[in-house]
Each structure stands twice: as C-alpha cells, then as structure tokens.
C-alpha cells in the first residue's frame, strides 16, 4: 500500500508552480479568469492532472489572472510519502 498526503496551497499572484507530485488540481475560486499554461479557467472551474500509480509529474505550471476581480487559485497536490 502506497501512502500519500494532500497538500493545499492558495495563490493570488502570477506564479510558477512545480508539480513534483503524482496528481495536481487547480481550482479557480476567485471571480476573475485564471490561465494555467495557456488554458483559460473561468470562475468555479478546475483543471485536473491525474497520475497513475507510480507516476511522478514534473511539469512547471504558469498561473496568471485577467485584470479585475478577486484572483484566487486553490492548488491540491497528491504527494507520495
């Protein structure tokens, strides 16, 4: 049995996020559009990159926001321990 933890972080400024995990989820909990590596997320939507057993995601994600509104992105990472 493989043990893991879920790490929760909130971002409200343009950022680069190194995944370094098995699975990662981005949730736009703000009121303005969010872009992740060019993919547009409207408020309330999410982007999920799920990993299979034993996989390790090393993608670098770039977050940016459109102007105006509340800029908040919740990131959940699944990390093996």
N, C-alpha and C. Protein backbone atom coordinates (compact mmCIF):
# COMPACT_ATOMS: atom_id res chain seq x y z
N UNK A 1 0.84 -1.18 0.00
CA UNK A 1 0.00 0.00 0.00
C UNK A 1 0.89 1.24 0.00
N UNK A 2 0.62 2.15 -0.92
CA UNK A 2 1.39 3.39 -1.05
C UNK A 2 0.72 4.51 -0.24
N UNK A 3 1.48 5.14 0.64
CA UNK A 3 0.94 6.25 1.43
C UNK A 3 1.18 7.57 0.70
N UNK A 4 0.23 8.52 0.89
CA UNK A 4 0.38 9.84 0.30
C UNK A 4 -0.28 10.88 1.19
N UNK A 5 0.09 12.13 0.94
CA UNK A 5 -0.57 13.26 1.60
C UNK A 5 -1.13 14.17 0.52
N UNK A 6 -2.10 14.99 0.89
CA UNK A 6 -2.59 16.03 0.01
C UNK A 6 -2.14 17.37 0.56
N UNK A 7 -1.50 18.15 -0.29
CA UNK A 7 -1.01 19.47 0.11
C UNK A 7 -1.91 20.52 -0.54
N UNK A 8 -2.41 21.45 0.26
CA UNK A 8 -3.31 22.51 -0.21
C UNK A 8 -2.59 23.85 -0.13
N UNK A 9 -2.59 24.59 -1.24
CA UNK A 9 -1.99 25.92 -1.27
C UNK A 9 -2.90 26.85 -2.05
N UNK A 10 -2.90 28.12 -1.66
CA UNK A 10 -3.68 29.14 -2.34
C UNK A 10 -2.73 30.16 -2.95
N UNK A 11 -3.00 30.54 -4.20
CA UNK A 11 -2.19 31.52 -4.92
C UNK A 11 -3.09 32.68 -5.34
N UNK A 12 -2.59 33.91 -5.21
CA UNK A 12 -3.36 35.07 -5.65
C UNK A 12 -2.51 36.06 -6.43
N UNK A 13 -1.35 35.61 -6.89
CA UNK A 13 -0.49 36.41 -7.76
C UNK A 13 0.03 35.49 -8.86
N UNK A 14 0.43 36.05 -10.00
CA UNK A 14 1.03 35.20 -11.04
C UNK A 14 2.19 34.41 -10.45
N UNK A 15 2.23 33.12 -10.75
CA UNK A 15 3.22 32.24 -10.12
C UNK A 15 3.63 31.13 -11.06
N UNK A 16 4.78 30.54 -10.78
CA UNK A 16 5.18 29.30 -11.43
C UNK A 16 5.14 28.21 -10.37
N UNK A 17 4.42 27.15 -10.66
CA UNK A 17 4.26 26.06 -9.70
C UNK A 17 4.92 24.82 -10.27
N UNK A 18 5.83 24.24 -9.52
CA UNK A 18 6.44 22.97 -9.91
C UNK A 18 5.60 21.87 -9.29
N UNK A 19 5.08 21.00 -10.12
CA UNK A 19 4.15 19.99 -9.61
C UNK A 19 4.83 19.02 -8.64
N UNK A 20 5.85 18.31 -9.10
CA UNK A 20 6.60 17.37 -8.28
C UNK A 20 5.69 16.54 -7.37
N UNK A 21 4.71 15.88 -8.01
CA UNK A 21 3.72 15.10 -7.28
C UNK A 21 3.12 14.06 -8.22
N UNK A 22 2.20 13.27 -7.73
CA UNK A 22 1.52 12.28 -8.57
C UNK A 22 0.34 12.89 -9.30
N UNK A 23 -0.44 13.73 -8.63
CA UNK A 23 -1.62 14.36 -9.22
C UNK A 23 -1.73 15.78 -8.70
N UNK A 24 -2.28 16.66 -9.55
CA UNK A 24 -2.42 18.06 -9.15
C UNK A 24 -3.75 18.59 -9.69
N UNK A 25 -4.41 19.41 -8.87
CA UNK A 25 -5.69 20.01 -9.23
C UNK A 25 -5.62 21.50 -9.01
N UNK A 26 -6.08 22.27 -9.99
CA UNK A 26 -6.17 23.72 -9.89
C UNK A 26 -7.65 24.08 -9.90
N UNK A 27 -8.10 24.86 -8.91
CA UNK A 27 -9.49 25.29 -8.83
C UNK A 27 -9.52 26.82 -8.79
N UNK A 28 -10.26 27.41 -9.71
CA UNK A 28 -10.40 28.86 -9.73
C UNK A 28 -11.52 29.23 -8.75
N UNK A 29 -11.14 29.66 -7.55
CA UNK A 29 -12.13 30.03 -6.54
C UNK A 29 -12.31 31.54 -6.46
N UNK A 30 -11.72 32.26 -7.42
CA UNK A 30 -11.85 33.70 -7.47
C UNK A 30 -13.00 34.13 -8.36
N UNK A 31 -13.01 35.42 -8.68
CA UNK A 31 -14.08 35.97 -9.52
C UNK A 31 -13.56 36.46 -10.88
N UNK A 32 -12.31 36.20 -11.18
CA UNK A 32 -11.72 36.58 -12.46
C UNK A 32 -11.17 35.33 -13.15
N UNK A 33 -10.99 35.39 -14.45
CA UNK A 33 -10.45 34.23 -15.18
C UNK A 33 -9.02 33.96 -14.78
N UNK A 34 -8.65 32.70 -14.83
CA UNK A 34 -7.31 32.22 -14.48
C UNK A 34 -6.77 31.48 -15.68
N UNK A 35 -5.50 31.69 -15.99
CA UNK A 35 -4.87 30.92 -17.06
C UNK A 35 -3.74 30.08 -16.47
N UNK A 36 -3.75 28.80 -16.87
CA UNK A 36 -2.70 27.87 -16.46
C UNK A 36 -2.09 27.31 -17.72
N UNK A 37 -0.84 27.68 -17.98
CA UNK A 37 -0.13 27.26 -19.20
C UNK A 37 -1.00 27.49 -20.44
N UNK A 38 -1.69 28.62 -20.47
CA UNK A 38 -2.49 28.98 -21.63
C UNK A 38 -3.92 28.45 -21.63
N UNK A 39 -4.28 27.60 -20.67
CA UNK A 39 -5.64 27.08 -20.57
C UNK A 39 -6.45 28.04 -19.69
N UNK A 40 -7.56 28.53 -20.22
CA UNK A 40 -8.38 29.50 -19.50
C UNK A 40 -9.38 28.79 -18.58
N UNK A 41 -9.40 29.18 -17.31
CA UNK A 41 -10.36 28.65 -16.34
C UNK A 41 -11.25 29.79 -15.86
N UNK A 42 -12.53 29.70 -16.12
CA UNK A 42 -13.47 30.69 -15.64
C UNK A 42 -13.72 30.43 -14.15
N UNK A 43 -14.24 31.40 -13.42
CA UNK A 43 -14.52 31.20 -12.00
C UNK A 43 -15.36 29.94 -11.75
N UNK A 44 -14.93 29.15 -10.78
CA UNK A 44 -15.63 27.92 -10.42
C UNK A 44 -15.18 26.69 -11.16
N UNK A 45 -14.33 26.84 -12.18
CA UNK A 45 -13.88 25.66 -12.94
C UNK A 45 -12.54 25.16 -12.41
N UNK A 46 -12.16 23.98 -12.90
CA UNK A 46 -10.92 23.36 -12.42
C UNK A 46 -10.19 22.64 -13.53
N UNK A 47 -8.90 22.44 -13.32
CA UNK A 47 -8.04 21.67 -14.21
C UNK A 47 -7.40 20.59 -13.36
N UNK A 48 -7.54 19.33 -13.81
CA UNK A 48 -7.02 18.20 -13.05
C UNK A 48 -6.03 17.43 -13.90
N UNK A 49 -4.86 17.13 -13.35
CA UNK A 49 -3.90 16.25 -13.98
C UNK A 49 -3.71 15.07 -13.03
N UNK A 50 -4.34 13.96 -13.39
CA UNK A 50 -4.28 12.77 -12.53
C UNK A 50 -3.11 11.89 -12.95
N UNK A 51 -2.47 11.30 -11.97
CA UNK A 51 -1.38 10.39 -12.25
C UNK A 51 -1.78 8.96 -12.00
N UNK A 52 -1.20 8.06 -12.76
CA UNK A 52 -1.38 6.63 -12.50
C UNK A 52 -0.45 6.21 -11.38
N UNK A 53 -0.68 5.03 -10.84
CA UNK A 53 0.15 4.52 -9.76
C UNK A 53 1.61 4.50 -10.19
N UNK A 54 2.47 5.06 -9.35
CA UNK A 54 3.91 5.07 -9.60
C UNK A 54 4.39 6.21 -10.49
N UNK A 55 3.49 7.02 -11.03
CA UNK A 55 3.91 8.14 -11.87
C UNK A 55 4.23 9.37 -11.01
N UNK A 56 5.09 10.23 -11.56
CA UNK A 56 5.53 11.43 -10.86
C UNK A 56 5.54 12.58 -11.86
N UNK A 57 4.67 13.56 -11.67
CA UNK A 57 4.52 14.69 -12.58
C UNK A 57 5.58 15.75 -12.26
N UNK A 58 6.35 16.17 -13.25
CA UNK A 58 7.39 17.19 -13.05
C UNK A 58 7.11 18.46 -13.86
N UNK A 59 5.88 18.64 -14.29
CA UNK A 59 5.50 19.81 -15.09
C UNK A 59 5.64 21.09 -14.29
N UNK A 60 6.04 22.16 -14.98
CA UNK A 60 6.06 23.51 -14.39
C UNK A 60 4.83 24.23 -14.94
N UNK A 61 3.95 24.63 -14.05
CA UNK A 61 2.72 25.32 -14.44
C UNK A 61 2.87 26.81 -14.18
N UNK A 62 2.43 27.63 -15.16
CA UNK A 62 2.46 29.08 -15.02
C UNK A 62 1.04 29.58 -14.83
N UNK A 63 0.80 30.25 -13.71
CA UNK A 63 -0.52 30.80 -13.39
C UNK A 63 -0.52 32.30 -13.66
N UNK A 64 -1.58 32.77 -14.27
CA UNK A 64 -1.77 34.21 -14.43
C UNK A 64 -3.27 34.49 -14.39
N UNK A 65 -3.61 35.73 -14.07
CA UNK A 65 -5.00 36.14 -13.91
C UNK A 65 -5.31 37.26 -14.88
N UNK A 66 -6.59 37.35 -15.30
CA UNK A 66 -7.02 38.52 -16.05
C UNK A 66 -7.21 39.65 -15.05
N UNK A 67 -7.28 40.86 -15.54
CA UNK A 67 -7.37 42.00 -14.63
C UNK A 67 -8.76 42.13 -14.03
N UNK A 68 -8.78 42.64 -12.82
CA UNK A 68 -10.05 42.89 -12.13
C UNK A 68 -10.57 41.68 -11.41
N UNK A 69 -11.32 41.91 -10.38
CA UNK A 69 -11.93 40.82 -9.62
C UNK A 69 -11.00 40.25 -8.57
N UNK A 70 -11.48 39.21 -7.93
CA UNK A 70 -10.78 38.51 -6.86
C UNK A 70 -9.95 37.39 -7.48
N UNK A 71 -8.64 37.45 -7.38
CA UNK A 71 -7.73 36.50 -8.01
C UNK A 71 -7.31 35.43 -7.01
N UNK A 72 -7.92 34.24 -7.08
CA UNK A 72 -7.60 33.18 -6.13
C UNK A 72 -7.60 31.82 -6.84
N UNK A 73 -6.51 31.10 -6.71
CA UNK A 73 -6.41 29.75 -7.25
C UNK A 73 -6.04 28.79 -6.12
N UNK A 74 -6.85 27.77 -5.93
CA UNK A 74 -6.56 26.72 -4.93
C UNK A 74 -5.86 25.58 -5.67
N UNK A 75 -4.71 25.14 -5.14
CA UNK A 75 -3.96 24.04 -5.74
C UNK A 75 -3.88 22.89 -4.75
N UNK A 76 -4.24 21.70 -5.22
CA UNK A 76 -4.18 20.49 -4.39
C UNK A 76 -3.21 19.52 -5.05
N UNK A 77 -2.19 19.11 -4.33
CA UNK A 77 -1.19 18.19 -4.86
C UNK A 77 -1.21 16.88 -4.07
N UNK A 78 -1.16 15.76 -4.79
CA UNK A 78 -1.08 14.43 -4.17
C UNK A 78 0.39 14.02 -4.18
N UNK A 79 0.94 13.89 -2.97
CA UNK A 79 2.37 13.63 -2.83
C UNK A 79 2.59 12.31 -2.08
N UNK A 80 3.35 11.41 -2.69
CA UNK A 80 3.70 10.15 -2.01
C UNK A 80 4.68 10.39 -0.87
N UNK A 81 4.51 9.66 0.23
CA UNK A 81 5.43 9.77 1.36
C UNK A 81 6.10 8.45 1.61
